[in-house]
């Protein structure tokens, strides 16, 4: 599965895809990475990547300010 990483502060610019393995490597190295699950709250509750936060895909644009305030890359899946 590929993940979409948005490198902030430019939310709409700098988007790249990364692999699950690349995300694991970033986290293992202690890099500050915010993982955002963009599925519905019900899907999130059924299971998600440990430490991920839930922002449903239809709310991402409205909540971009929250994401711009975090350190390091933001990974949406």
Protein backbone atom coordinates (compact mmCIF):
# COMPACT_ATOMS: atom_id res chain seq x y z
CA UNK A 1 0.00 0.00 0.00
CA UNK A 2 1.25 3.46 -0.81
CA UNK A 3 0.86 6.39 1.49
CA UNK A 4 0.60 10.01 0.53
CA UNK A 5 2.99 12.24 2.44
CA UNK A 6 2.34 15.94 2.49
CA UNK A 7 5.39 17.89 3.49
CA UNK A 8 4.32 20.99 5.33
CA UNK A 9 4.01 23.95 5.56
CA UNK A 10 2.79 24.02 1.96
CA UNK A 11 -0.13 21.61 2.30
CA UNK A 12 -0.99 21.50 -1.39
CA UNK A 13 2.62 21.52 -2.61
CA UNK A 14 5.33 18.93 -2.11
CA UNK A 15 3.13 15.85 -2.03
CA UNK A 16 4.98 12.58 -2.52
CA UNK A 17 4.07 8.95 -2.15
CA UNK A 18 5.95 6.71 0.22
CA UNK A 19 5.76 3.02 0.93
CA UNK A 20 4.75 1.35 4.16
CA UNK A 21 8.40 0.37 4.63
CA UNK A 22 9.55 3.97 4.25
CA UNK A 23 7.03 5.08 6.88
CA UNK A 24 8.23 2.34 9.23
CA UNK A 25 11.83 3.46 8.70
CA UNK A 26 10.97 7.10 9.47
CA UNK A 27 9.20 6.11 12.66
CA UNK A 28 11.97 3.70 13.69
CA UNK A 29 14.52 6.49 13.24
CA UNK A 30 12.53 8.63 15.65
CA UNK A 31 11.54 11.18 13.02
CA UNK A 32 8.52 13.29 13.97
CA UNK A 33 5.83 11.99 11.62
CA UNK A 34 2.11 12.66 11.95
CA UNK A 35 0.03 9.85 10.48
CA UNK A 36 -3.53 10.76 9.46
CA UNK A 37 -6.14 8.12 8.64
CA UNK A 38 -8.61 9.73 6.23
CA UNK A 39 -11.25 7.04 6.44
CA UNK A 40 -14.56 7.39 8.28
CA UNK A 41 -14.61 7.36 12.09
CA UNK A 42 -16.21 3.89 12.01
CA UNK A 43 -13.44 2.52 9.78
CA UNK A 44 -10.81 4.17 12.00
CA UNK A 45 -12.38 2.61 15.11
CA UNK A 46 -12.25 -0.83 13.46
CA UNK A 47 -8.45 -0.58 13.17
CA UNK A 48 -5.72 1.86 12.23
CA UNK A 49 -1.96 2.42 12.28
CA UNK A 50 -0.87 2.83 15.92
CA UNK A 51 -0.54 6.52 16.80
CA UNK A 52 -2.56 7.69 13.80
CA UNK A 53 -5.17 10.41 14.12
CA UNK A 54 -8.48 10.38 12.27
CA UNK A 55 -9.43 13.24 9.97
CA UNK A 56 -11.98 12.01 7.41
CA UNK A 57 -11.05 12.86 3.82
CA UNK A 58 -13.92 15.32 3.47
CA UNK A 59 -12.57 17.34 6.44
CA UNK A 60 -8.87 17.49 5.52
CA UNK A 61 -9.03 20.83 3.69
CA UNK A 62 -11.04 22.47 6.48
CA UNK A 63 -8.59 21.19 9.11
CA UNK A 64 -5.39 21.97 7.17
CA UNK A 65 -4.44 24.56 9.79
CA UNK A 66 -4.17 21.81 12.40
CA UNK A 67 -1.85 19.84 10.15
CA UNK A 68 0.28 22.87 9.31
CA UNK A 69 1.04 23.28 13.03
CA UNK A 70 2.70 19.85 13.48
CA UNK A 71 6.42 19.18 13.25
CA UNK A 72 7.77 17.01 10.47
CA UNK A 73 5.97 15.41 7.57
CA UNK A 74 2.29 14.52 7.60
CA UNK A 75 1.36 11.17 6.08
CA UNK A 76 -2.20 10.68 4.89
CA UNK A 77 -3.55 7.21 4.24
